[in-house]
Amino acid sequence: MRSLKVISLLLDYPSEELFEVRKDLIEEIRADAALPDEQRAPLIEFIDQLCTTDLLDAQDNYVGLFDRGRSLSLLLFEHVHGESRDRGQAMVDLMAVYEDNGFQIDAKELPDYIPMFLEYQSTRSALEIKQSLADISHILALLETRLKQRESIYSVLCSALIDISGVEVAREELAAKVATEAADDTPEALDKVWEEEMVRFTEPTTQDCGNDAVTQRRRELDKVQPLYISDAVKHFTPTGPSSS
């Protein structure tokens, strides 16, 4: 599904290379017949708005959203397993799925990084895509709601993914729940996280066993060539109905 590849690029850290292929991304959104019609215009508007923003401002906004605090983490298992040992094993299992299906990953990113997960899903069948997105729809719904609370245009990407999954989300109920959450991007909250990380650095936890396995697998992937934006656009099929 070509639009998943586009969304994966848009959900990654903004770059000059991304901005340069704005028109190509828009054409792919217009051409993907598998994309729900009601999501086409919002995604095109998102691309136009993001790619015409000053690059440094776009990057600063991205870091402020996704790299400060855990509530908007783009790591799937952060929301599922937190800091438990199960998180490390889940990443090893997901990495094995990628490898078994011939998907080469960028060893600089963890396997549960959502843009990478979407890039992988874009190569799968329509049925598998729908099921996989349905499986993480609760995470996407939380991210969508939290992004809307911060009045971020990035909520559009989550909305599109939820629509593709076909899952009905109780948005009003979820919005009420998110409204009661304590902010995790304040200086005080970030200091607390830093203190917790320092404790983990000096006192190994049960999660480290799982992380050791992930580290070993990532060493094996060091020679894998990452997929860059120019490569992703270059490998788009010509404009026309999508096969997935």
Foldseek 3Di string as FASTA:
>chain_A
DLLLLLLLVVLDQDDPVLLVCLVLNLLSLVQEPLFPPVLNVLVNVVSVVLSVDDNVVSRVVSCLQAVFFDLQDQQLCCVVPNLDLVSLVVQVVLVVVCVVVPHAADLVDGSRRNSNVSNSLVPDDLVVLLVVLVVSLVSLLSNLLVCVVVVHSSSSSSVRSNVSNVDDDPNVVSNVVVVPDDDCRDPVNRVVVVVVVVCCVVPPDSNVVSVVSSVVVSVVSNPTDHDDPVNSSVPDDPRHYDPD
